[in-house]
Amino acid sequence: MDRFTSMAVFVAAVETGSLVAAARRMGLSPSMAGKHLSAIEGELGVRLMQRSTRRLGLTEAGQAYFLRCKRILEEIEDADREASDTQHTVHGRLRVTAPVTFGAMHLGPVVAAYLERHPRVRVDVTLDDRFTDLLAEGMDVAIRIGKLPDSDLVARRLAPCRMMFCASPRFFEGGASASLDEVRRAPRLVFNEANSPGDWAATDSECRMHAIDGPLRMASNNMQMLLSAALAGAGVAYGPSFVFAKPVARGDLVALLPDFRTAELAVHAVYPSARHVPMKLRRFIDHLAESFGDAPPWD
């Protein structure tokens, strides 16, 4: 008997809870489904399922084999779909949501390059700092930064995201060599809608964490506004490298506490399902990973 068909019958029996239902899913007779299951157990020399008139139960070996079979069958399905997709032009409407500052600063050129590769795709981008319900709002993919909540969504890491303290070179007399105590006393410019909230903190070489808890001088829900305030010398800003790294590299800002560690976040693409991913979406996520990567352009 065909081994892959037998594996598919076994997986279907586990998922549906009966050989009759598995046979119906596979378009087989119940007796043929039973033969496929017996054949695969015979080839392996081990019982995979405990069968009774009322229910099916997995043995320990069956549990491990089920997980492997399911993964193999999904890989085969993906390979078949990918081969089939290559015969069709990537086209259609792609709906993307991303955080406001990240999207405004970094997504435009990347989307433009994707559109150049795939001229029959239309991309609709919504910039919003809240967590969008992808299914409820009809989104294909979300760019999310920081720690992801537990969910049924699929996430692919696209790039690292360093957090950093910075200020105008004229804000501290010593510039980048400002001491920990100086930074801790300084007025803060705070982003108040972070999806991965947390106290301002820096960790020294001995793994001791120090709170940066100076007076809150300004709060905003827009990181670019905080960047402008930091450039104007209003206080210390704490935020992602994709906002502050280039102004630091130009000398418009100085990175503070360079010998301390700060939080490490990541940029992810999040989408509803790993199965039946449209080619337009798969190509877009691959393009994002290629464009950003472990050495993203903002660093």
C-alpha atoms as a PDB file:
ATOM      1  CA  MET A   1       0.000   0.000   0.000  1.00  0.00           C
ATOM      2  CA  ASP A   2       1.036   3.597  -0.571  1.00  0.00           C
ATOM      3  CA  ARG A   3       2.956   4.691   2.516  1.00  0.00           C
ATOM      4  CA  PHE A   4       1.902   8.332   2.372  1.00  0.00           C
ATOM      5  CA  THR A   5      -1.769   7.366   2.044  1.00  0.00           C
ATOM      6  CA  SER A   6      -1.411   5.121   5.072  1.00  0.00           C
ATOM      7  CA  MET A   7       0.211   7.964   7.019  1.00  0.00           C
ATOM      8  CA  ALA A   8      -2.605  10.298   5.962  1.00  0.00           C
ATOM      9  CA  VAL A   9      -5.230   7.765   7.111  1.00  0.00           C
ATOM     10  CA  PHE A  10      -3.466   7.439  10.470  1.00  0.00           C
ATOM     11  CA  VAL A  11      -3.324  11.232  10.958  1.00  0.00           C
ATOM     12  CA  ALA A  12      -6.964  11.596   9.904  1.00  0.00           C
ATOM     13  CA  ALA A  13      -8.012   8.860  12.355  1.00  0.00           C
ATOM     14  CA  VAL A  14      -6.254  10.646  15.214  1.00  0.00           C
ATOM     15  CA  GLU A  15      -7.713  14.033  14.287  1.00  0.00           C
ATOM     16  CA  THR A  16     -11.285  12.810  13.750  1.00  0.00           C
ATOM     17  CA  GLY A  17     -11.313  10.203  16.510  1.00  0.00           C
ATOM     18  CA  SER A  18     -12.509   7.293  14.387  1.00  0.00           C
ATOM     19  CA  LEU A  19     -11.566   5.199  11.373  1.00  0.00           C
ATOM     20  CA  VAL A  20     -15.023   5.753   9.874  1.00  0.00           C
ATOM     21  CA  ALA A  21     -14.567   9.525   9.920  1.00  0.00           C
ATOM     22  CA  ALA A  22     -11.009   9.157   8.631  1.00  0.00           C
ATOM     23  CA  ALA A  23     -12.264   6.996   5.767  1.00  0.00           C
ATOM     24  CA  ARG A  24     -14.898   9.606   4.930  1.00  0.00           C
ATOM     25  CA  ARG A  25     -12.253  12.352   4.874  1.00  0.00           C
ATOM     26  CA  MET A  26      -9.956  10.306   2.658  1.00  0.00           C
ATOM     27  CA  GLY A  27     -12.696   9.052   0.325  1.00  0.00           C
ATOM     28  CA  LEU A  28     -12.089   5.413   1.305  1.00  0.00           C
ATOM     29  CA  SER A  29     -14.253   2.635   2.662  1.00  0.00           C
ATOM     30  CA  PRO A  30     -13.928   1.995   6.416  1.00  0.00           C
ATOM     31  CA  SER A  31     -12.454  -1.437   5.727  1.00  0.00           C
ATOM     32  CA  MET A  32      -9.798   0.034   3.422  1.00  0.00           C
ATOM     33  CA  ALA A  33      -8.924   2.678   6.013  1.00  0.00           C
ATOM     34  CA  GLY A  34      -8.488  -0.138   8.548  1.00  0.00           C
ATOM     35  CA  LYS A  35      -6.183  -1.989   6.137  1.00  0.00           C
ATOM     36  CA  HIS A  36      -4.031   1.093   5.710  1.00  0.00           C
ATOM     37  CA  LEU A  37      -3.658   1.469   9.470  1.00  0.00           C
ATOM     38  CA  SER A  38      -2.885  -2.247   9.900  1.00  0.00           C
ATOM     39  CA  ALA A  39      -0.366  -2.068   7.057  1.00  0.00           C
ATOM     40  CA  ILE A  40       1.584   0.779   8.596  1.00  0.00           C
ATOM     41  CA  GLU A  41       1.603  -0.896  12.026  1.00  0.00           C
ATOM     42  CA  GLY A  42       2.800  -4.102  10.352  1.00  0.00           C
ATOM     43  CA  GLU A  43       5.644  -2.339   8.575  1.00  0.00           C
ATOM     44  CA  LEU A  44       6.718  -0.621  11.777  1.00  0.00           C
ATOM     45  CA  GLY A  45       6.239  -3.659  13.974  1.00  0.00           C
ATOM     46  CA  VAL A  46       4.534  -1.583  16.665  1.00  0.00           C
ATOM     47  CA  ARG A  47       0.958  -0.780  17.650  1.00  0.00           C
ATOM     48  CA  LEU A  48       0.117   2.878  17.097  1.00  0.00           C
ATOM     49  CA  MET A  49      -3.486   2.924  18.293  1.00  0.00           C
ATOM     50  CA  GLN A  50      -5.631   1.092  20.816  1.00  0.00           C
ATOM     51  CA  ARG A  51      -8.926   0.467  19.026  1.00  0.00           C
ATOM     52  CA  SER A  52     -12.313  -0.367  20.511  1.00  0.00           C
ATOM     53  CA  THR A  53     -15.871  -0.115  19.270  1.00  0.00           C
ATOM     54  CA  ARG A  54     -16.236   3.273  20.975  1.00  0.00           C
ATOM     55  CA  ARG A  55     -12.932   5.096  20.645  1.00  0.00           C
ATOM     56  CA  LEU A  56      -9.389   5.204  19.380  1.00  0.00           C
ATOM     57  CA  GLY A  57      -6.473   5.904  21.684  1.00  0.00           C
ATOM     58  CA  LEU A  58      -2.849   6.576  20.838  1.00  0.00           C
ATOM     59  CA  THR A  59      -0.064   4.488  22.279  1.00  0.00           C
ATOM     60  CA  GLU A  60       3.136   6.220  23.371  1.00  0.00           C
ATOM     61  CA  ALA A  61       4.757   5.240  20.082  1.00  0.00           C
ATOM     62  CA  GLY A  62       1.652   6.390  18.229  1.00  0.00           C
ATOM     63  CA  GLN A  63       1.784   9.844  19.805  1.00  0.00           C
ATOM     64  CA  ALA A  64       5.353  10.429  18.646  1.00  0.00           C
ATOM     65  CA  TYR A  65       4.629   8.964  15.211  1.00  0.00           C
ATOM     66  CA  PHE A  66       1.525  11.125  14.801  1.00  0.00           C
ATOM     67  CA  LEU A  67       3.505  14.347  15.343  1.00  0.00           C
ATOM     68  CA  ARG A  68       6.140  13.263  12.820  1.00  0.00           C
ATOM     69  CA  CYS A  69       3.577  12.151  10.237  1.00  0.00           C
ATOM     70  CA  LYS A  70       1.610  15.358  10.540  1.00  0.00           C
ATOM     71  CA  ARG A  71       4.731  17.444  10.003  1.00  0.00           C
ATOM     72  CA  ILE A  72       5.806  15.345   6.984  1.00  0.00           C
ATOM     73  CA  LEU A  73       2.383  15.550   5.340  1.00  0.00           C
ATOM     74  CA  GLU A  74       2.247  19.319   5.860  1.00  0.00           C
ATOM     75  CA  GLU A  75       5.689  19.661   4.260  1.00  0.00           C
ATOM     76  CA  ILE A  76       4.544  17.630   1.261  1.00  0.00           C
ATOM     77  CA  GLU A  77       1.408  19.753   0.961  1.00  0.00           C
ATOM     78  CA  ASP A  78       3.485  22.946   1.127  1.00  0.00           C
ATOM     79  CA  ALA A  79       5.919  21.627  -1.500  1.00  0.00           C
ATOM     80  CA  ASP A  80       3.051  20.714  -3.832  1.00  0.00           C
ATOM     81  CA  ARG A  81       1.426  24.103  -3.341  1.00  0.00           C
ATOM     82  CA  GLU A  82       4.697  25.963  -3.895  1.00  0.00           C
ATOM     83  CA  ALA A  83       5.348  24.033  -7.111  1.00  0.00           C
ATOM     84  CA  SER A  84       1.825  24.813  -8.271  1.00  0.00           C
ATOM     85  CA  ASP A  85       2.106  28.476  -7.298  1.00  0.00           C
ATOM     86  CA  THR A  86       5.166  28.960  -9.494  1.00  0.00           C
ATOM     87  CA  GLN A  87       2.887  28.512 -12.486  1.00  0.00           C
ATOM     88  CA  HIS A  88       0.852  31.581 -11.531  1.00  0.00           C
ATOM     89  CA  THR A  89       1.659  35.261 -11.410  1.00  0.00           C
ATOM     90  CA  VAL A  90       1.696  36.767  -7.940  1.00  0.00           C
ATOM     91  CA  HIS A  91      -1.245  39.137  -7.860  1.00  0.00           C
ATOM     92  CA  GLY A  92      -4.059  40.526  -5.707  1.00  0.00           C
ATOM     93  CA  ARG A  93      -4.475  42.809  -2.728  1.00  0.00           C
ATOM     94  CA  LEU A  94      -2.159  42.487   0.283  1.00  0.00           C
ATOM     95  CA  ARG A  95      -3.241  44.146   3.535  1.00  0.00           C
ATOM     96  CA  VAL A  96      -0.466  45.031   5.967  1.00  0.00           C
ATOM     97  CA  THR A  97      -0.474  46.708   9.375  1.00  0.00           C
ATOM     98  CA  ALA A  98       2.615  48.035  11.165  1.00  0.00           C
ATOM     99  CA  PRO A  99       3.581  50.345  14.052  1.00  0.00           C
ATOM    100  CA  VAL A 100       3.384  54.007  13.095  1.00  0.00           C
ATOM    101  CA  THR A 101       7.023  55.048  13.519  1.00  0.00           C
ATOM    102  CA  PHE A 102       8.560  51.858  12.153  1.00  0.00           C
ATOM    103  CA  GLY A 103       6.282  51.921   9.120  1.00  0.00           C
ATOM    104  CA  ALA A 104       6.820  55.595   8.388  1.00  0.00           C
ATOM    105  CA  MET A 105      10.595  55.377   8.743  1.00  0.00           C
ATOM    106  CA  HIS A 106      11.432  51.981   7.212  1.00  0.00           C
ATOM    107  CA  LEU A 107       8.570  50.255   5.425  1.00  0.00           C
ATOM    108  CA  GLY A 108       8.046  52.572   2.437  1.00  0.00           C
ATOM    109  CA  PRO A 109      11.175  51.651   0.426  1.00  0.00           C
ATOM    110  CA  VAL A 110      10.737  47.960   1.233  1.00  0.00           C
ATOM    111  CA  VAL A 111       7.137  47.918   0.010  1.00  0.00           C
ATOM    112  CA  ALA A 112       8.164  49.856  -3.092  1.00  0.00           C
ATOM    113  CA  ALA A 113      10.817  47.258  -3.934  1.00  0.00           C
ATOM    114  CA  TYR A 114       8.273  44.472  -3.446  1.00  0.00           C
ATOM    115  CA  LEU A 115       5.814  46.214  -5.781  1.00  0.00           C
ATOM    116  CA  GLU A 116       8.526  46.564  -8.403  1.00  0.00           C
ATOM    117  CA  ARG A 117       9.081  42.810  -8.281  1.00  0.00           C
ATOM    118  CA  HIS A 118       5.356  42.045  -8.327  1.00  0.00           C
ATOM    119  CA  PRO A 119       3.562  44.715 -10.367  1.00  0.00           C
ATOM    120  CA  ARG A 120       0.208  42.910 -10.204  1.00  0.00           C
ATOM    121  CA  VAL A 121       0.009  43.171  -6.400  1.00  0.00           C
ATOM    122  CA  ARG A 122      -1.651  46.085  -4.600  1.00  0.00           C
ATOM    123  CA  VAL A 123      -0.452  46.718  -1.036  1.00  0.00           C
ATOM    124  CA  ASP A 124      -2.651  48.504   1.514  1.00  0.00           C
ATOM    125  CA  VAL A 125      -0.634  49.557   4.587  1.00  0.00           C
ATOM    126  CA  THR A 126      -2.294  50.673   7.830  1.00  0.00           C
ATOM    127  CA  LEU A 127      -0.012  52.231  10.449  1.00  0.00           C
ATOM    128  CA  ASP A 128      -1.272  51.773  13.997  1.00  0.00           C
ATOM    129  CA  ASP A 129       0.483  51.213  17.332  1.00  0.00           C
ATOM    130  CA  ARG A 130      -2.314  49.087  18.776  1.00  0.00           C
ATOM    131  CA  PHE A 131      -2.454  45.303  18.408  1.00  0.00           C
ATOM    132  CA  THR A 132      -4.730  44.752  15.421  1.00  0.00           C
ATOM    133  CA  ASP A 133      -7.011  41.698  15.340  1.00  0.00           C
ATOM    134  CA  LEU A 134      -5.883  40.360  11.972  1.00  0.00           C
ATOM    135  CA  LEU A 135      -8.912  38.168  11.310  1.00  0.00           C
ATOM    136  CA  ALA A 136     -11.510  40.649  12.519  1.00  0.00           C
ATOM    137  CA  GLU A 137      -9.999  43.496  10.503  1.00  0.00           C
ATOM    138  CA  GLY A 138      -9.134  41.493   7.396  1.00  0.00           C
ATOM    139  CA  MET A 139      -5.368  41.945   7.586  1.00  0.00           C
ATOM    140  CA  ASP A 140      -2.988  39.510   5.896  1.00  0.00           C
ATOM    141  CA  VAL A 141       0.082  40.305   7.995  1.00  0.00           C
ATOM    142  CA  ALA A 142       1.189  42.530  10.865  1.00  0.00           C
ATOM    143  CA  ILE A 143       4.659  43.852  11.632  1.00  0.00           C
ATOM    144  CA  ARG A 144       5.065  43.661  15.408  1.00  0.00           C
ATOM    145  CA  ILE A 145       7.944  44.705  17.604  1.00  0.00           C
ATOM    146  CA  GLY A 146       8.694  43.407  21.071  1.00  0.00           C
ATOM    147  CA  LYS A 147       7.445  40.444  23.055  1.00  0.00           C
ATOM    148  CA  LEU A 148       4.544  38.701  21.372  1.00  0.00           C
ATOM    149  CA  PRO A 149       1.536  37.533  23.393  1.00  0.00           C
ATOM    150  CA  ASP A 150       0.564  33.866  23.242  1.00  0.00           C
ATOM    151  CA  SER A 151      -1.829  33.341  20.348  1.00  0.00           C
ATOM    152  CA  ASP A 152      -2.701  31.020  17.471  1.00  0.00           C
ATOM    153  CA  LEU A 153      -0.955  33.360  15.034  1.00  0.00           C
ATOM    154  CA  VAL A 154       2.247  32.401  13.232  1.00  0.00           C
ATOM    155  CA  ALA A 155       5.279  34.646  13.806  1.00  0.00           C
ATOM    156  CA  ARG A 156       8.472  34.930  11.780  1.00  0.00           C
ATOM    157  CA  ARG A 157      11.401  36.891  13.187  1.00  0.00           C
ATOM    158  CA  LEU A 158      12.621  39.502  10.726  1.00  0.00           C
ATOM    159  CA  ALA A 159      15.277  41.520  12.553  1.00  0.00           C
ATOM    160  CA  PRO A 160      16.723  42.383  15.968  1.00  0.00           C
ATOM    161  CA  CYS A 161      15.749  45.587  17.746  1.00  0.00           C
ATOM    162  CA  ARG A 162      18.091  47.124  20.320  1.00  0.00           C
ATOM    163  CA  MET A 163      16.784  49.574  22.893  1.00  0.00           C
ATOM    164  CA  MET A 164      19.010  52.540  23.644  1.00  0.00           C
ATOM    165  CA  PHE A 165      19.289  55.651  25.808  1.00  0.00           C
ATOM    166  CA  CYS A 166      20.237  58.851  24.040  1.00  0.00           C
ATOM    167  CA  ALA A 167      20.194  62.632  24.308  1.00  0.00           C
ATOM    168  CA  SER A 168      21.426  65.739  22.546  1.00  0.00           C
ATOM    169  CA  PRO A 169      25.241  66.126  22.755  1.00  0.00           C
ATOM    170  CA  ARG A 170      24.739  69.422  24.574  1.00  0.00           C
ATOM    171  CA  PHE A 171      22.336  68.004  27.150  1.00  0.00           C
ATOM    172  CA  PHE A 172      25.111  66.514  29.348  1.00  0.00           C
ATOM    173  CA  GLU A 173      28.387  68.306  29.843  1.00  0.00           C
ATOM    174  CA  GLY A 174      30.210  65.029  29.417  1.00  0.00           C
ATOM    175  CA  GLY A 175      28.174  63.897  26.401  1.00  0.00           C
ATOM    176  CA  ALA A 176      28.264  60.131  25.900  1.00  0.00           C
ATOM    177  CA  SER A 177      30.492  59.738  28.995  1.00  0.00           C
ATOM    178  CA  ALA A 178      27.688  60.890  31.303  1.00  0.00           C
ATOM    179  CA  SER A 179      27.599  58.785  34.456  1.00  0.00           C
ATOM    180  CA  LEU A 180      24.822  56.452  35.510  1.00  0.00           C
ATOM    181  CA  ASP A 181      23.797  58.853  38.275  1.00  0.00           C
ATOM    182  CA  GLU A 182      23.598  61.765  35.826  1.00  0.00           C
ATOM    183  CA  VAL A 183      21.402  59.784  33.459  1.00  0.00           C
ATOM    184  CA  ARG A 184      19.202  58.583  36.328  1.00  0.00           C
ATOM    185  CA  ARG A 185      18.548  62.153  37.464  1.00  0.00           C
ATOM    186  CA  ALA A 186      17.842  63.515  33.996  1.00  0.00           C
ATOM    187  CA  PRO A 187      14.334  64.365  32.757  1.00  0.00           C
ATOM    188  CA  ARG A 188      12.834  61.620  30.624  1.00  0.00           C
ATOM    189  CA  LEU A 189      11.007  61.644  27.268  1.00  0.00           C
ATOM    190  CA  VAL A 190       8.653  58.654  27.392  1.00  0.00           C
ATOM    191  CA  PHE A 191       6.731  56.709  24.739  1.00  0.00           C
ATOM    192  CA  ASN A 192       3.469  55.906  26.491  1.00  0.00           C
ATOM    193  CA  GLU A 193       1.939  53.310  24.161  1.00  0.00           C
ATOM    194  CA  ALA A 194       4.618  50.648  24.028  1.00  0.00           C
ATOM    195  CA  ASN A 195       3.298  47.174  23.207  1.00  0.00           C
ATOM    196  CA  SER A 196       6.158  45.714  25.253  1.00  0.00           C
ATOM    197  CA  PRO A 197       6.069  48.043  28.262  1.00  0.00           C
ATOM    198  CA  GLY A 198       8.709  47.921  30.903  1.00  0.00           C
ATOM    199  CA  ASP A 199      10.647  50.113  33.255  1.00  0.00           C
ATOM    200  CA  TRP A 200      13.577  52.059  31.899  1.00  0.00           C
ATOM    201  CA  ALA A 201      16.521  49.972  33.034  1.00  0.00           C
ATOM    202  CA  ALA A 202      20.172  49.312  32.274  1.00  0.00           C
ATOM    203  CA  THR A 203      22.200  46.272  33.311  1.00  0.00           C
ATOM    204  CA  ASP A 204      25.860  46.662  34.233  1.00  0.00           C
ATOM    205  CA  SER A 205      28.766  44.261  33.607  1.00  0.00           C
ATOM    206  CA  GLU A 206      28.034  42.463  36.886  1.00  0.00           C
ATOM    207  CA  CYS A 207      24.416  41.803  35.825  1.00  0.00           C
ATOM    208  CA  ARG A 208      22.993  44.341  38.245  1.00  0.00           C
ATOM    209  CA  MET A 209      19.945  46.160  36.943  1.00  0.00           C
ATOM    210  CA  HIS A 210      19.608  49.899  37.516  1.00  0.00           C
ATOM    211  CA  ALA A 211      16.317  51.752  37.131  1.00  0.00           C
ATOM    212  CA  ILE A 212      16.460  54.963  35.124  1.00  0.00           C
ATOM    213  CA  ASP A 213      13.725  56.816  36.945  1.00  0.00           C
ATOM    214  CA  GLY A 214      14.307  60.535  36.596  1.00  0.00           C
ATOM    215  CA  PRO A 215      11.395  62.985  36.383  1.00  0.00           C
ATOM    216  CA  LEU A 216       9.041  62.474  33.474  1.00  0.00           C
ATOM    217  CA  ARG A 217       9.371  65.650  31.417  1.00  0.00           C
ATOM    218  CA  MET A 218       7.347  64.636  28.348  1.00  0.00           C
ATOM    219  CA  ALA A 219       5.184  61.703  27.238  1.00  0.00           C
ATOM    220  CA  SER A 220       3.875  61.010  23.747  1.00  0.00           C
ATOM    221  CA  ASN A 221       2.260  58.251  21.728  1.00  0.00           C
ATOM    222  CA  ASN A 222       4.527  59.069  18.783  1.00  0.00           C
ATOM    223  CA  MET A 223       8.203  58.119  18.817  1.00  0.00           C
ATOM    224  CA  GLN A 224       9.169  60.552  16.069  1.00  0.00           C
ATOM    225  CA  MET A 225       7.923  63.415  18.231  1.00  0.00           C
ATOM    226  CA  LEU A 226      10.114  62.164  21.083  1.00  0.00           C
ATOM    227  CA  LEU A 227      13.039  61.985  18.666  1.00  0.00           C
ATOM    228  CA  SER A 228      12.474  65.630  17.716  1.00  0.00           C
ATOM    229  CA  ALA A 229      12.306  66.606  21.396  1.00  0.00           C
ATOM    230  CA  ALA A 230      15.535  64.738  22.138  1.00  0.00           C
ATOM    231  CA  LEU A 231      17.266  66.447  19.203  1.00  0.00           C
ATOM    232  CA  ALA A 232      16.122  69.789  20.635  1.00  0.00           C
ATOM    233  CA  GLY A 233      17.682  68.971  24.014  1.00  0.00           C
ATOM    234  CA  ALA A 234      14.518  68.369  26.061  1.00  0.00           C
ATOM    235  CA  GLY A 235      15.779  65.305  27.913  1.00  0.00           C
ATOM    236  CA  VAL A 236      16.797  61.652  27.703  1.00  0.00           C
ATOM    237  CA  ALA A 237      14.950  59.387  25.271  1.00  0.00           C
ATOM    238  CA  TYR A 238      14.773  55.609  25.496  1.00  0.00           C
ATOM    239  CA  GLY A 239      13.696  53.718  22.435  1.00  0.00           C
ATOM    240  CA  PRO A 240      14.486  51.344  19.593  1.00  0.00           C
ATOM    241  CA  SER A 241      17.576  51.535  17.444  1.00  0.00           C
ATOM    242  CA  PHE A 242      15.439  51.830  14.311  1.00  0.00           C
ATOM    243  CA  VAL A 243      14.505  55.316  15.551  1.00  0.00           C
ATOM    244  CA  PHE A 244      17.704  56.528  17.240  1.00  0.00           C
ATOM    245  CA  ALA A 245      20.704  54.692  15.734  1.00  0.00           C
ATOM    246  CA  LYS A 246      21.086  56.888  12.644  1.00  0.00           C
ATOM    247  CA  PRO A 247      20.864  60.232  14.526  1.00  0.00           C
ATOM    248  CA  VAL A 248      23.512  58.837  16.891  1.00  0.00           C
ATOM    249  CA  ALA A 249      25.704  57.781  13.956  1.00  0.00           C
ATOM    250  CA  ARG A 250      25.399  61.307  12.477  1.00  0.00           C
ATOM    251  CA  GLY A 251      26.366  62.879  15.819  1.00  0.00           C
ATOM    252  CA  ASP A 252      22.998  64.597  16.253  1.00  0.00           C
ATOM    253  CA  LEU A 253      22.443  62.491  19.396  1.00  0.00           C
ATOM    254  CA  VAL A 254      24.809  60.632  21.712  1.00  0.00           C
ATOM    255  CA  ALA A 255      24.186  57.110  22.958  1.00  0.00           C
ATOM    256  CA  LEU A 256      24.271  57.052  26.756  1.00  0.00           C
ATOM    257  CA  LEU A 257      25.544  54.289  29.046  1.00  0.00           C
ATOM    258  CA  PRO A 258      27.383  52.439  26.242  1.00  0.00           C
ATOM    259  CA  ASP A 259      28.869  49.919  28.701  1.00  0.00           C
ATOM    260  CA  PHE A 260      25.425  48.852  29.953  1.00  0.00           C
ATOM    261  CA  ARG A 261      23.011  46.341  28.435  1.00  0.00           C
ATOM    262  CA  THR A 262      19.435  47.245  27.598  1.00  0.00           C
ATOM    263  CA  ALA A 263      16.420  45.234  26.501  1.00  0.00           C
ATOM    264  CA  GLU A 264      16.701  43.192  23.297  1.00  0.00           C
ATOM    265  CA  LEU A 265      13.480  43.041  21.308  1.00  0.00           C
ATOM    266  CA  ALA A 266      12.776  41.789  17.793  1.00  0.00           C
ATOM    267  CA  VAL A 267      10.788  42.704  14.694  1.00  0.00           C
ATOM    268  CA  HIS A 268       8.327  40.001  13.609  1.00  0.00           C
ATOM    269  CA  ALA A 269       5.911  39.348  10.790  1.00  0.00           C
ATOM    270  CA  VAL A 270       2.724  37.848  12.238  1.00  0.00           C
ATOM    271  CA  TYR A 271       0.057  36.151  10.122  1.00  0.00           C
ATOM    272  CA  PRO A 272      -2.967  33.922  10.729  1.00  0.00           C
ATOM    273  CA  SER A 273      -1.862  30.466   9.566  1.00  0.00           C
ATOM    274  CA  ALA A 274       1.183  28.546   8.351  1.00  0.00           C
ATOM    275  CA  ARG A 275      -1.014  26.532   6.010  1.00  0.00           C
ATOM    276  CA  HIS A 276      -2.428  27.708   2.710  1.00  0.00           C
ATOM    277  CA  VAL A 277      -0.362  30.900   2.799  1.00  0.00           C
ATOM    278  CA  PRO A 278      -1.044  32.839  -0.434  1.00  0.00           C
ATOM    279  CA  MET A 279       1.982  33.279  -2.666  1.00  0.00           C
ATOM    280  CA  LYS A 280       1.691  37.094  -2.477  1.00  0.00           C
ATOM    281  CA  LEU A 281       2.008  36.905   1.325  1.00  0.00           C
ATOM    282  CA  ARG A 282       4.770  34.305   1.351  1.00  0.00           C
ATOM    283  CA  ARG A 283       6.821  36.377  -1.091  1.00  0.00           C
ATOM    284  CA  PHE A 284       6.189  39.546   0.954  1.00  0.00           C
ATOM    285  CA  ILE A 285       7.373  37.981   4.211  1.00  0.00           C
ATOM    286  CA  ASP A 286      10.453  36.557   2.473  1.00  0.00           C
ATOM    287  CA  HIS A 287      11.119  40.023   1.051  1.00  0.00           C
ATOM    288  CA  LEU A 288      10.855  41.602   4.522  1.00  0.00           C
ATOM    289  CA  ALA A 289      13.304  39.070   5.969  1.00  0.00           C
ATOM    290  CA  GLU A 290      15.699  39.676   3.079  1.00  0.00           C
ATOM    291  CA  SER A 291      15.431  43.472   3.404  1.00  0.00           C
ATOM    292  CA  PHE A 292      15.949  43.602   7.189  1.00  0.00           C
ATOM    293  CA  GLY A 293      17.776  40.515   8.500  1.00  0.00           C
ATOM    294  CA  ASP A 294      20.207  40.143  11.402  1.00  0.00           C
ATOM    295  CA  ALA A 295      22.114  43.275  10.347  1.00  0.00           C
ATOM    296  CA  PRO A 296      19.185  45.639   9.631  1.00  0.00           C
ATOM    297  CA  PRO A 297      19.829  48.854   7.695  1.00  0.00           C
ATOM    298  CA  TRP A 298      18.962  51.102  10.662  1.00  0.00           C
ATOM    299  CA  ASP A 299      21.876  49.685  12.690  1.00  0.00           C
END
